[in-house]
Amino acid sequence: RSINQGCGTILTVKQVDSAACQLGKKRVLCESYGCTGGDFSFRGRKWIGDWLYVLGVNLNNPHLSLYSMRGERKRDYPANIFFPQPWWGENRLVADYFARLSYALSEGKRVVDVMVIHPISSAWTRYRPDSTGPVGILDESLAKLEKVLLNNQRDFHYGDEMLMEKHGSVESGEDGAVLRIGEMSYRVVIIPPSHTLSCSTAAMLRKFASAGGKILAVPPLPTELEGVAVS
């Protein structure tokens, strides 16, 4: 199944997946199923949950569990996943499935060797309250890149420039150069359509390239450092 047939934005899930793995966190929690309706099926819960787990989540937090469905609560962002429901006795069909999947995906060490530099700094340099078009273009370009990678089964993480400055380094080994962010090591760095990079990121990429690391850049290429044009 194509990632295009998912049920939400890839960006938010991959952001938390990236930060958790880079900072050595074992669990990646996501609240799910809010506003799906009181008649939402087990099949739908599995579909949404599987989509999240493929993208890096490993702890499913169902929304929500009400002790009572009196008054407005009956219609307050259902589904209510708790004992007042007539199907509660069968809930283990899907709950046990995600419990086992959560355990399996929380063990071992995650391996992702592609890192995409997050273009949030470019978005800030182009953002204007009365003109969001340039930021929208960046967002659409990034979403397209995400889908191209995942539809070709190339998992990736995002590199936040502040985390890169704090936890990043370049290492050379027998298998070539890697750009390391905390607990994760990446062999390929992708610069998405963007306008600016931080000075620390540019310096790290120069070192990575000099060590033989692979860098791919998708036009338009950044021509600024810290939001200032480079001559």
Protein backbone atom coordinates (compact mmCIF):
# COMPACT_ATOMS: atom_id res chain seq x y z
CA ARG A 1 0.00 0.00 0.00
CA SER A 2 1.28 3.44 -0.92
CA ILE A 3 2.10 5.85 1.89
CA ASN A 4 -0.13 8.31 0.02
CA GLN A 5 -3.09 6.32 1.32
CA GLY A 6 -2.25 7.17 4.91
CA CYS A 7 -4.52 8.99 7.30
CA GLY A 8 -2.61 12.11 8.31
CA THR A 9 0.56 14.13 7.94
CA ILE A 10 3.82 12.20 7.74
CA LEU A 11 5.78 15.19 9.05
CA THR A 12 4.54 15.18 12.65
CA VAL A 13 5.12 11.45 13.09
CA LYS A 14 8.61 11.50 11.59
CA GLN A 15 9.58 14.51 13.71
CA VAL A 16 8.87 12.72 16.98
CA ASP A 17 10.36 9.46 15.66
CA SER A 18 13.57 11.28 14.71
CA ALA A 19 14.01 13.14 18.00
CA ALA A 20 13.23 10.06 20.11
CA CYS A 21 15.72 7.85 18.28
CA GLN A 22 18.45 10.49 18.22
CA LEU A 23 18.08 11.16 21.95
CA GLY A 24 17.99 7.46 22.85
CA LYS A 25 14.35 7.25 23.94
CA LYS A 26 12.85 3.77 23.91
CA ARG A 27 9.21 4.75 23.45
CA VAL A 28 7.51 6.97 20.88
CA LEU A 29 3.95 7.70 22.02
CA CYS A 30 1.13 9.01 19.86
CA GLU A 31 -2.45 9.73 20.83
CA SER A 32 -4.76 8.38 18.16
CA TYR A 33 -8.42 7.93 17.10
CA GLY A 34 -9.75 11.29 18.32
CA CYS A 35 -12.80 12.52 16.37
CA THR A 36 -13.13 9.22 14.47
CA GLY A 37 -16.75 8.80 15.64
CA GLY A 38 -18.69 6.53 17.95
CA ASP A 39 -19.07 3.84 15.28
CA PHE A 40 -15.35 3.57 14.44
CA SER A 41 -14.42 -0.06 13.79
CA PHE A 42 -11.58 -2.30 14.99
CA ARG A 43 -10.44 -2.47 11.36
CA GLY A 44 -10.10 1.32 11.26
CA ARG A 45 -8.16 1.38 14.53
CA LYS A 46 -5.73 -1.22 13.20
CA TRP A 47 -5.31 0.66 9.92
CA ILE A 48 -4.48 3.97 11.62
CA GLY A 49 -2.29 2.27 14.21
CA ASP A 50 -0.33 0.33 11.60
CA TRP A 51 0.23 3.54 9.62
CA LEU A 52 1.65 5.22 12.73
CA TYR A 53 3.83 2.24 13.64
CA VAL A 54 5.32 2.01 10.15
CA LEU A 55 6.43 5.65 10.55
CA GLY A 56 8.12 5.10 13.93
CA VAL A 57 5.52 5.16 16.71
CA ASN A 58 5.72 2.23 19.13
CA LEU A 59 3.25 3.16 21.88
CA ASN A 60 -0.38 3.67 20.90
CA ASN A 61 -2.35 5.94 23.23
CA PRO A 62 -6.06 5.60 22.32
CA HIS A 63 -8.27 8.66 22.57
CA LEU A 64 -10.22 8.55 24.84
CA SER A 65 -11.53 6.63 27.89
CA LEU A 66 -14.53 8.11 29.72
CA TYR A 67 -15.91 6.65 32.96
CA SER A 68 -19.30 8.05 31.97
CA MET A 69 -20.96 9.00 28.66
CA ARG A 70 -23.63 11.20 30.21
CA GLY A 71 -24.50 14.58 28.75
CA GLU A 72 -22.16 16.18 26.30
CA ARG A 73 -19.49 13.56 26.89
CA LYS A 74 -21.32 11.15 24.58
CA ARG A 75 -20.47 13.44 21.65
CA ASP A 76 -17.22 14.96 22.94
CA TYR A 77 -14.66 13.93 20.33
CA PRO A 78 -15.53 10.22 20.17
CA ALA A 79 -14.66 7.38 19.98
CA ASN A 80 -14.83 6.48 23.68
CA ILE A 81 -12.65 3.40 24.04
CA PHE A 82 -13.71 2.06 27.43
CA PHE A 83 -16.15 -0.20 29.27
CA PRO A 84 -19.43 1.66 28.50
CA GLN A 85 -19.14 0.45 24.90
CA PRO A 86 -21.08 -2.68 23.91
CA TRP A 87 -18.02 -4.10 22.17
CA TRP A 88 -15.67 -3.64 25.15
CA GLY A 89 -15.49 -7.37 25.81
CA GLU A 90 -13.87 -7.86 22.40
CA ASN A 91 -11.46 -4.93 22.68
CA ARG A 92 -8.51 -7.24 23.31
CA LEU A 93 -8.59 -8.24 19.65
CA VAL A 94 -6.92 -4.96 18.73
CA ALA A 95 -5.42 -4.01 22.12
CA ASP A 96 -3.37 -7.21 22.41
CA TYR A 97 -2.19 -6.82 18.82
CA PHE A 98 -0.73 -3.37 19.51
CA ALA A 99 0.66 -4.48 22.88
CA ARG A 100 2.70 -7.20 21.17
CA LEU A 101 3.72 -4.90 18.33
CA SER A 102 4.75 -2.17 20.79
CA TYR A 103 6.95 -4.60 22.69
CA ALA A 104 8.63 -5.96 19.56
CA LEU A 105 9.33 -2.50 18.12
CA SER A 106 10.71 -1.23 21.44
CA GLU A 107 13.46 -3.87 21.49
CA GLY A 108 16.71 -3.89 19.57
CA LYS A 109 18.38 -0.92 17.89
CA ARG A 110 16.73 1.13 15.16
CA VAL A 111 18.74 1.49 11.94
CA VAL A 112 17.99 4.48 9.68
CA ASP A 113 20.78 5.71 7.41
CA VAL A 114 19.10 8.64 5.61
CA MET A 115 18.68 12.04 7.25
CA VAL A 116 16.71 14.99 5.84
CA ILE A 117 17.61 18.41 7.20
CA HIS A 118 14.43 19.97 8.58
CA PRO A 119 13.77 23.26 6.70
CA ILE A 120 12.00 25.06 9.55
CA SER A 121 14.62 27.85 9.52
CA SER A 122 13.82 28.48 5.85
CA ALA A 123 10.12 28.65 6.72
CA TRP A 124 10.81 31.26 9.40
CA THR A 125 12.84 33.42 7.03
CA ARG A 126 9.98 33.45 4.51
CA TYR A 127 6.99 33.61 6.85
CA ARG A 128 4.83 36.74 6.80
CA PRO A 129 1.45 36.92 8.58
CA ASP A 130 -0.16 38.43 5.48
CA SER A 131 1.58 36.16 2.96
CA THR A 132 1.97 32.45 3.74
CA GLY A 133 2.44 31.36 0.13
CA PRO A 134 6.25 30.88 0.24
CA VAL A 135 5.97 28.74 3.38
CA GLY A 136 3.19 26.73 1.75
CA ILE A 137 5.48 25.99 -1.19
CA LEU A 138 8.18 24.72 1.18
CA ASP A 139 5.62 22.56 2.97
CA GLU A 140 4.33 21.02 -0.27
CA SER A 141 7.87 20.32 -1.49
CA LEU A 142 8.78 18.63 1.78
CA ALA A 143 5.63 16.48 1.74
CA LYS A 144 6.45 15.37 -1.81
CA LEU A 145 9.99 14.41 -0.78
CA GLU A 146 8.66 12.41 2.18
CA LYS A 147 6.32 10.42 -0.04
CA VAL A 148 9.00 9.76 -2.66
CA LEU A 149 11.34 8.35 -0.01
CA LEU A 150 8.76 6.22 1.77
CA ASN A 151 7.07 4.94 -1.38
CA ASN A 152 10.51 3.71 -2.42
CA GLN A 153 10.96 2.09 1.03
CA ARG A 154 13.70 4.48 2.09
CA ASP A 155 13.10 5.25 5.74
CA PHE A 156 14.54 8.51 6.99
CA HIS A 157 14.89 10.79 9.97
CA TYR A 158 14.78 14.53 10.21
CA GLY A 159 17.78 16.50 11.35
CA ASP A 160 16.78 19.48 13.49
CA GLU A 161 19.54 22.06 13.16
CA MET A 162 19.54 22.89 16.88
CA LEU A 163 19.84 19.21 17.81
CA MET A 164 22.52 18.80 15.15
CA GLU A 165 24.55 21.64 16.66
CA LYS A 166 24.20 20.19 20.17
CA HIS A 167 24.52 16.46 19.47
CA GLY A 168 25.97 16.21 15.94
CA SER A 169 29.38 15.05 14.79
CA VAL A 170 31.10 13.56 11.76
CA GLU A 171 32.84 10.21 12.08
CA SER A 172 34.98 8.23 9.64
CA GLY A 173 35.25 4.47 9.72
CA GLU A 174 36.06 1.46 7.59
CA ASP A 175 32.63 1.66 5.95
CA GLY A 176 32.89 5.35 5.15
CA ALA A 177 31.77 8.61 6.73
CA VAL A 178 28.67 9.01 8.86
CA LEU A 179 26.95 12.06 10.26
CA ARG A 180 26.00 11.23 13.81
CA ILE A 181 23.22 12.86 15.82
CA GLY A 182 23.14 11.48 19.34
CA GLU A 183 22.43 7.74 19.12
CA MET A 184 21.85 7.65 15.35
CA SER A 185 24.32 7.55 12.44
CA TYR A 186 23.43 8.59 8.89
CA ARG A 187 25.31 7.79 5.68
CA VAL A 188 23.22 9.99 3.38
CA VAL A 189 22.12 13.57 4.10
CA ILE A 190 19.38 15.19 2.01
CA ILE A 191 18.94 18.95 1.84
CA PRO A 192 15.28 19.50 0.89
CA PRO A 193 14.06 22.56 -1.04
CA SER A 194 15.14 25.38 1.27
CA HIS A 195 16.59 28.87 1.48
CA THR A 196 18.93 28.97 4.46
CA LEU A 197 21.07 26.84 6.75
CA SER A 198 22.67 27.61 10.09
CA CYS A 199 26.41 28.23 10.12
CA SER A 200 26.95 25.16 12.29
CA THR A 201 25.02 22.96 9.85
CA ALA A 202 26.99 24.27 6.86
CA ALA A 203 30.28 23.60 8.65
CA MET A 204 29.16 20.07 9.58
CA LEU A 205 28.11 19.32 6.00
CA ARG A 206 31.48 20.54 4.67
CA LYS A 207 33.25 18.20 7.09
CA PHE A 208 30.93 15.34 6.16
CA ALA A 209 31.51 15.87 2.43
CA SER A 210 35.30 16.12 2.92
CA ALA A 211 35.23 12.78 4.73
CA GLY A 212 33.46 11.19 1.75
CA GLY A 213 29.88 11.48 3.00
CA LYS A 214 27.01 11.55 0.52
CA ILE A 215 24.90 14.72 0.32
CA LEU A 216 21.89 15.12 -1.96
CA ALA A 217 20.32 18.53 -2.47
CA VAL A 218 16.87 19.12 -3.97
CA PRO A 219 16.38 22.51 -5.71
CA PRO A 220 15.91 25.26 -4.85
CA LEU A 221 19.21 25.12 -3.00
CA PRO A 222 19.91 27.27 0.07
CA THR A 223 21.79 30.48 -0.73
CA GLU A 224 21.75 31.97 2.77
CA LEU A 225 23.42 31.36 6.14
CA GLU A 226 21.40 32.34 9.19
CA GLY A 227 18.97 34.08 6.80
CA VAL A 228 21.69 36.29 5.27
CA ALA A 229 22.54 35.93 1.57
CA VAL A 230 25.99 34.47 0.85
CA SER A 231 27.83 36.27 -1.92
